[in-house]
Amino acid sequence: MVLGQVMRDTRFCYPPGARVHELTDPQGNVHILFAYEVDSFDFASPDFQDANALLDYPRPAGWSYSTRILNAELVIGSGGIASVLSIQGPVFPTSTWEKR
């Protein structure tokens, strides 16, 4: 697991009614899932609309996981620098989360 700063100028737009998956660090900073590894040879991607899809997915010690359905559009813009959490491991898919 690594938390780093990435130089990029991107915007992620999540529409109302979409389910988002969030990791919150001990200081209250929230990171939204935006990338999840898929193995095309053994496709077993979770149903991301399921509230329990990532319940058992690993996360940094002291961080909490939550998921919710958006009532309004959520736009996350990096403005040149994005704070990104990357989680990789040999027995679970890689995921990437961006700080809200």
N, C-alpha and C. Protein backbone atom coordinates (compact mmCIF):
# COMPACT_ATOMS: atom_id res chain seq x y z
N MET A 1 0.85 -1.17 0.00
CA MET A 1 0.00 0.00 0.00
C MET A 1 0.89 1.22 0.00
N VAL A 2 0.54 2.16 -0.87
CA VAL A 2 1.32 3.39 -0.93
C VAL A 2 0.38 4.58 -1.14
N LEU A 3 0.65 5.65 -0.42
CA LEU A 3 -0.09 6.90 -0.57
C LEU A 3 0.89 7.90 -1.14
N GLY A 4 0.59 8.41 -2.33
CA GLY A 4 1.52 9.31 -2.98
C GLY A 4 0.84 10.46 -3.68
N GLN A 5 1.65 11.38 -4.13
CA GLN A 5 1.19 12.54 -4.89
C GLN A 5 1.50 12.28 -6.36
N VAL A 6 0.51 12.48 -7.22
CA VAL A 6 0.64 12.24 -8.65
C VAL A 6 0.34 13.54 -9.39
N MET A 7 1.22 13.91 -10.31
CA MET A 7 0.98 15.11 -11.10
C MET A 7 0.01 14.75 -12.23
N ARG A 8 -1.19 15.36 -12.18
CA ARG A 8 -2.17 15.19 -13.26
C ARG A 8 -3.29 16.19 -13.05
N ASP A 9 -3.98 16.46 -14.13
CA ASP A 9 -5.10 17.40 -14.09
C ASP A 9 -6.31 16.66 -14.64
N THR A 10 -7.03 15.98 -13.77
CA THR A 10 -8.16 15.16 -14.18
C THR A 10 -9.39 15.51 -13.36
N ARG A 11 -10.54 15.11 -13.88
CA ARG A 11 -11.81 15.26 -13.16
C ARG A 11 -12.55 13.93 -13.26
N PHE A 12 -13.00 13.44 -12.13
CA PHE A 12 -13.86 12.26 -12.09
C PHE A 12 -15.26 12.75 -11.75
N CYS A 13 -16.23 12.35 -12.54
CA CYS A 13 -17.63 12.75 -12.33
C CYS A 13 -18.45 11.51 -12.04
N TYR A 14 -19.11 11.50 -10.90
CA TYR A 14 -19.97 10.39 -10.49
C TYR A 14 -21.41 10.92 -10.48
N PRO A 15 -22.32 10.31 -11.24
CA PRO A 15 -23.69 10.83 -11.34
C PRO A 15 -24.54 10.51 -10.12
N PRO A 16 -25.62 11.25 -9.92
CA PRO A 16 -26.56 10.91 -8.84
C PRO A 16 -27.07 9.49 -9.04
N GLY A 17 -27.21 8.76 -7.95
CA GLY A 17 -27.67 7.37 -8.01
C GLY A 17 -26.55 6.36 -8.12
N ALA A 18 -25.33 6.83 -8.37
CA ALA A 18 -24.17 5.91 -8.45
C ALA A 18 -23.73 5.52 -7.05
N ARG A 19 -23.22 4.31 -6.94
CA ARG A 19 -22.63 3.86 -5.68
C ARG A 19 -21.14 4.18 -5.72
N VAL A 20 -20.63 4.79 -4.65
CA VAL A 20 -19.19 5.04 -4.52
C VAL A 20 -18.67 4.25 -3.33
N HIS A 21 -17.41 3.86 -3.44
CA HIS A 21 -16.72 3.13 -2.38
C HIS A 21 -15.64 4.06 -1.84
N GLU A 22 -15.57 4.20 -0.51
CA GLU A 22 -14.69 5.17 0.11
C GLU A 22 -13.84 4.55 1.21
N LEU A 23 -12.60 5.00 1.29
CA LEU A 23 -11.72 4.68 2.41
C LEU A 23 -11.41 5.99 3.12
N THR A 24 -11.54 5.99 4.44
CA THR A 24 -11.30 7.19 5.23
C THR A 24 -10.12 6.95 6.16
N ASP A 25 -9.13 7.86 6.10
CA ASP A 25 -7.95 7.72 6.96
C ASP A 25 -8.26 8.24 8.36
N PRO A 26 -7.36 8.00 9.33
CA PRO A 26 -7.62 8.43 10.71
C PRO A 26 -7.82 9.94 10.87
N GLN A 27 -7.33 10.75 9.92
CA GLN A 27 -7.50 12.20 10.00
C GLN A 27 -8.81 12.66 9.36
N GLY A 28 -9.59 11.73 8.79
CA GLY A 28 -10.88 12.08 8.18
C GLY A 28 -10.84 12.34 6.69
N ASN A 29 -9.67 12.18 6.06
CA ASN A 29 -9.56 12.35 4.61
C ASN A 29 -10.21 11.16 3.91
N VAL A 30 -11.06 11.43 2.93
CA VAL A 30 -11.80 10.39 2.24
C VAL A 30 -11.22 10.17 0.85
N HIS A 31 -11.00 8.89 0.51
CA HIS A 31 -10.49 8.50 -0.80
C HIS A 31 -11.55 7.67 -1.51
N ILE A 32 -11.82 7.98 -2.78
CA ILE A 32 -12.85 7.32 -3.58
C ILE A 32 -12.19 6.34 -4.54
N LEU A 33 -12.75 5.13 -4.61
CA LEU A 33 -12.26 4.14 -5.56
C LEU A 33 -12.50 4.63 -6.99
N PHE A 34 -11.43 4.60 -7.82
CA PHE A 34 -11.63 4.95 -9.22
C PHE A 34 -11.03 3.94 -10.19
N ALA A 35 -10.25 2.99 -9.70
CA ALA A 35 -9.70 1.96 -10.58
C ALA A 35 -9.59 0.64 -9.81
N TYR A 36 -9.92 -0.44 -10.52
CA TYR A 36 -9.89 -1.77 -9.91
C TYR A 36 -9.42 -2.76 -10.97
N GLU A 37 -8.40 -3.53 -10.64
CA GLU A 37 -7.80 -4.46 -11.58
C GLU A 37 -8.76 -5.57 -11.98
N VAL A 38 -8.78 -5.88 -13.26
CA VAL A 38 -9.58 -6.98 -13.78
C VAL A 38 -8.65 -7.89 -14.57
N ASP A 39 -8.68 -9.17 -14.26
CA ASP A 39 -7.89 -10.17 -14.98
C ASP A 39 -8.76 -10.73 -16.10
N SER A 40 -8.39 -10.44 -17.34
CA SER A 40 -9.23 -10.86 -18.46
C SER A 40 -9.27 -12.37 -18.64
N PHE A 41 -8.30 -13.11 -18.10
CA PHE A 41 -8.29 -14.56 -18.22
C PHE A 41 -9.18 -15.23 -17.17
N ASP A 42 -9.32 -14.59 -16.03
CA ASP A 42 -10.14 -15.14 -14.94
C ASP A 42 -11.03 -14.02 -14.41
N PHE A 43 -11.96 -13.57 -15.24
CA PHE A 43 -12.79 -12.43 -14.91
C PHE A 43 -13.73 -12.75 -13.77
N ALA A 44 -13.46 -12.16 -12.60
CA ALA A 44 -14.30 -12.36 -11.41
C ALA A 44 -14.41 -11.03 -10.67
N SER A 45 -14.80 -10.00 -11.40
CA SER A 45 -14.92 -8.67 -10.82
C SER A 45 -16.13 -8.62 -9.88
N PRO A 46 -15.98 -7.94 -8.75
CA PRO A 46 -17.14 -7.81 -7.86
C PRO A 46 -18.23 -6.94 -8.50
N ASP A 47 -19.43 -7.10 -8.02
CA ASP A 47 -20.54 -6.25 -8.43
C ASP A 47 -20.44 -4.97 -7.60
N PHE A 48 -19.95 -3.90 -8.19
CA PHE A 48 -19.69 -2.68 -7.45
C PHE A 48 -20.97 -1.97 -7.00
N GLN A 49 -22.12 -2.43 -7.46
CA GLN A 49 -23.39 -1.88 -6.97
C GLN A 49 -23.83 -2.58 -5.69
N ASP A 50 -23.17 -3.68 -5.35
CA ASP A 50 -23.46 -4.41 -4.11
C ASP A 50 -22.80 -3.67 -2.94
N ALA A 51 -23.57 -3.39 -1.92
CA ALA A 51 -23.05 -2.66 -0.75
C ALA A 51 -21.92 -3.41 -0.05
N ASN A 52 -21.83 -4.71 -0.22
CA ASN A 52 -20.79 -5.51 0.44
C ASN A 52 -19.65 -5.89 -0.50
N ALA A 53 -19.59 -5.31 -1.69
CA ALA A 53 -18.61 -5.70 -2.70
C ALA A 53 -17.17 -5.65 -2.22
N LEU A 54 -16.81 -4.65 -1.45
CA LEU A 54 -15.41 -4.48 -1.02
C LEU A 54 -15.26 -4.53 0.50
N LEU A 55 -16.26 -5.06 1.16
CA LEU A 55 -16.25 -5.10 2.63
C LEU A 55 -15.01 -5.77 3.20
N ASP A 56 -14.54 -6.84 2.56
CA ASP A 56 -13.37 -7.59 3.06
C ASP A 56 -12.09 -7.25 2.32
N TYR A 57 -12.11 -6.24 1.47
CA TYR A 57 -10.91 -5.85 0.73
C TYR A 57 -9.92 -5.22 1.71
N PRO A 58 -8.61 -5.50 1.57
CA PRO A 58 -7.63 -4.95 2.52
C PRO A 58 -7.53 -3.44 2.44
N ARG A 59 -7.20 -2.84 3.56
CA ARG A 59 -7.02 -1.39 3.64
C ARG A 59 -5.94 -1.10 4.69
N PRO A 60 -5.37 0.11 4.65
CA PRO A 60 -4.35 0.44 5.64
C PRO A 60 -4.90 0.35 7.07
N ALA A 61 -4.05 -0.01 8.00
CA ALA A 61 -4.44 -0.08 9.41
C ALA A 61 -4.98 1.27 9.86
N GLY A 62 -6.11 1.25 10.56
CA GLY A 62 -6.71 2.47 11.08
C GLY A 62 -7.65 3.17 10.11
N TRP A 63 -7.70 2.71 8.86
CA TRP A 63 -8.61 3.30 7.87
C TRP A 63 -9.94 2.57 7.91
N SER A 64 -11.03 3.28 7.58
CA SER A 64 -12.34 2.64 7.56
C SER A 64 -12.90 2.63 6.13
N TYR A 65 -13.72 1.65 5.87
CA TYR A 65 -14.36 1.51 4.56
C TYR A 65 -15.84 1.85 4.68
N SER A 66 -16.38 2.52 3.68
CA SER A 66 -17.82 2.77 3.61
C SER A 66 -18.22 2.84 2.14
N THR A 67 -19.51 2.73 1.91
CA THR A 67 -20.05 2.87 0.57
C THR A 67 -21.39 3.59 0.69
N ARG A 68 -21.76 4.28 -0.37
CA ARG A 68 -23.02 5.02 -0.34
C ARG A 68 -23.51 5.26 -1.75
N ILE A 69 -24.80 5.56 -1.84
CA ILE A 69 -25.42 5.95 -3.10
C ILE A 69 -25.48 7.48 -3.10
N LEU A 70 -25.01 8.10 -4.17
CA LEU A 70 -24.98 9.56 -4.24
C LEU A 70 -26.36 10.15 -4.49
N ASN A 71 -26.69 11.19 -3.75
CA ASN A 71 -27.93 11.94 -3.96
C ASN A 71 -27.74 13.02 -5.01
N ALA A 72 -26.51 13.48 -5.18
CA ALA A 72 -26.18 14.53 -6.14
C ALA A 72 -24.88 14.16 -6.83
N GLU A 73 -24.59 14.80 -7.95
CA GLU A 73 -23.35 14.54 -8.67
C GLU A 73 -22.15 14.83 -7.77
N LEU A 74 -21.14 13.99 -7.85
CA LEU A 74 -19.88 14.19 -7.13
C LEU A 74 -18.79 14.38 -8.17
N VAL A 75 -18.08 15.51 -8.10
CA VAL A 75 -16.99 15.79 -9.03
C VAL A 75 -15.72 15.93 -8.21
N ILE A 76 -14.70 15.17 -8.60
CA ILE A 76 -13.40 15.23 -7.93
C ILE A 76 -12.39 15.72 -8.96
N GLY A 77 -11.81 16.88 -8.71
CA GLY A 77 -10.80 17.43 -9.60
C GLY A 77 -9.46 17.49 -8.92
N SER A 78 -8.42 17.10 -9.62
CA SER A 78 -7.10 17.05 -9.00
C SER A 78 -6.38 18.40 -9.04
N GLY A 79 -6.68 19.24 -10.02
CA GLY A 79 -6.06 20.56 -10.07
C GLY A 79 -4.55 20.55 -10.22
N GLY A 80 -3.99 19.52 -10.82
CA GLY A 80 -2.54 19.44 -11.06
C GLY A 80 -1.82 18.44 -10.18
N ILE A 81 -2.30 18.23 -8.94
CA ILE A 81 -1.70 17.25 -8.03
C ILE A 81 -2.83 16.44 -7.40
N ALA A 82 -2.72 15.13 -7.48
CA ALA A 82 -3.73 14.25 -6.88
C ALA A 82 -3.07 13.42 -5.79
N SER A 83 -3.76 13.27 -4.68
CA SER A 83 -3.33 12.37 -3.60
C SER A 83 -3.99 11.03 -3.88
N VAL A 84 -3.17 10.01 -4.13
CA VAL A 84 -3.67 8.71 -4.58
C VAL A 84 -3.17 7.60 -3.66
N LEU A 85 -4.08 6.70 -3.31
CA LEU A 85 -3.75 5.50 -2.55
C LEU A 85 -3.80 4.33 -3.50
N SER A 86 -2.72 3.56 -3.56
CA SER A 86 -2.68 2.36 -4.40
C SER A 86 -2.49 1.15 -3.49
N ILE A 87 -3.34 0.15 -3.69
CA ILE A 87 -3.27 -1.07 -2.90
C ILE A 87 -3.00 -2.22 -3.86
N GLN A 88 -1.90 -2.94 -3.65
CA GLN A 88 -1.53 -4.06 -4.51
C GLN A 88 -1.16 -5.25 -3.65
N GLY A 89 -1.43 -6.43 -4.16
CA GLY A 89 -1.07 -7.63 -3.43
C GLY A 89 -1.13 -8.86 -4.31
N PRO A 90 -0.48 -9.92 -3.90
CA PRO A 90 -0.44 -11.13 -4.73
C PRO A 90 -1.75 -11.93 -4.73
N VAL A 91 -2.61 -11.75 -3.73
CA VAL A 91 -3.82 -12.58 -3.65
C VAL A 91 -5.11 -11.78 -3.81
N PHE A 92 -5.01 -10.48 -4.11
CA PHE A 92 -6.21 -9.67 -4.34
C PHE A 92 -5.90 -8.67 -5.44
N PRO A 93 -6.92 -8.21 -6.16
CA PRO A 93 -6.70 -7.26 -7.26
C PRO A 93 -6.18 -5.92 -6.77
N THR A 94 -5.47 -5.24 -7.64
CA THR A 94 -4.98 -3.89 -7.37
C THR A 94 -6.13 -2.91 -7.43
N SER A 95 -6.12 -1.94 -6.52
CA SER A 95 -7.12 -0.87 -6.58
C SER A 95 -6.43 0.46 -6.39
N THR A 96 -7.09 1.52 -6.90
CA THR A 96 -6.55 2.86 -6.78
C THR A 96 -7.67 3.80 -6.33
N TRP A 97 -7.35 4.63 -5.37
CA TRP A 97 -8.31 5.52 -4.73
C TRP A 97 -7.76 6.94 -4.75
N GLU A 98 -8.61 7.94 -5.02
CA GLU A 98 -8.17 9.33 -5.03
C GLU A 98 -8.84 10.11 -3.91
N LYS A 99 -8.03 10.96 -3.29
CA LYS A 99 -8.54 11.80 -2.19
C LYS A 99 -9.60 12.77 -2.72
N ARG A 100 -10.72 12.83 -2.00
CA ARG A 100 -11.80 13.74 -2.34
C ARG A 100 -11.41 15.16 -2.02
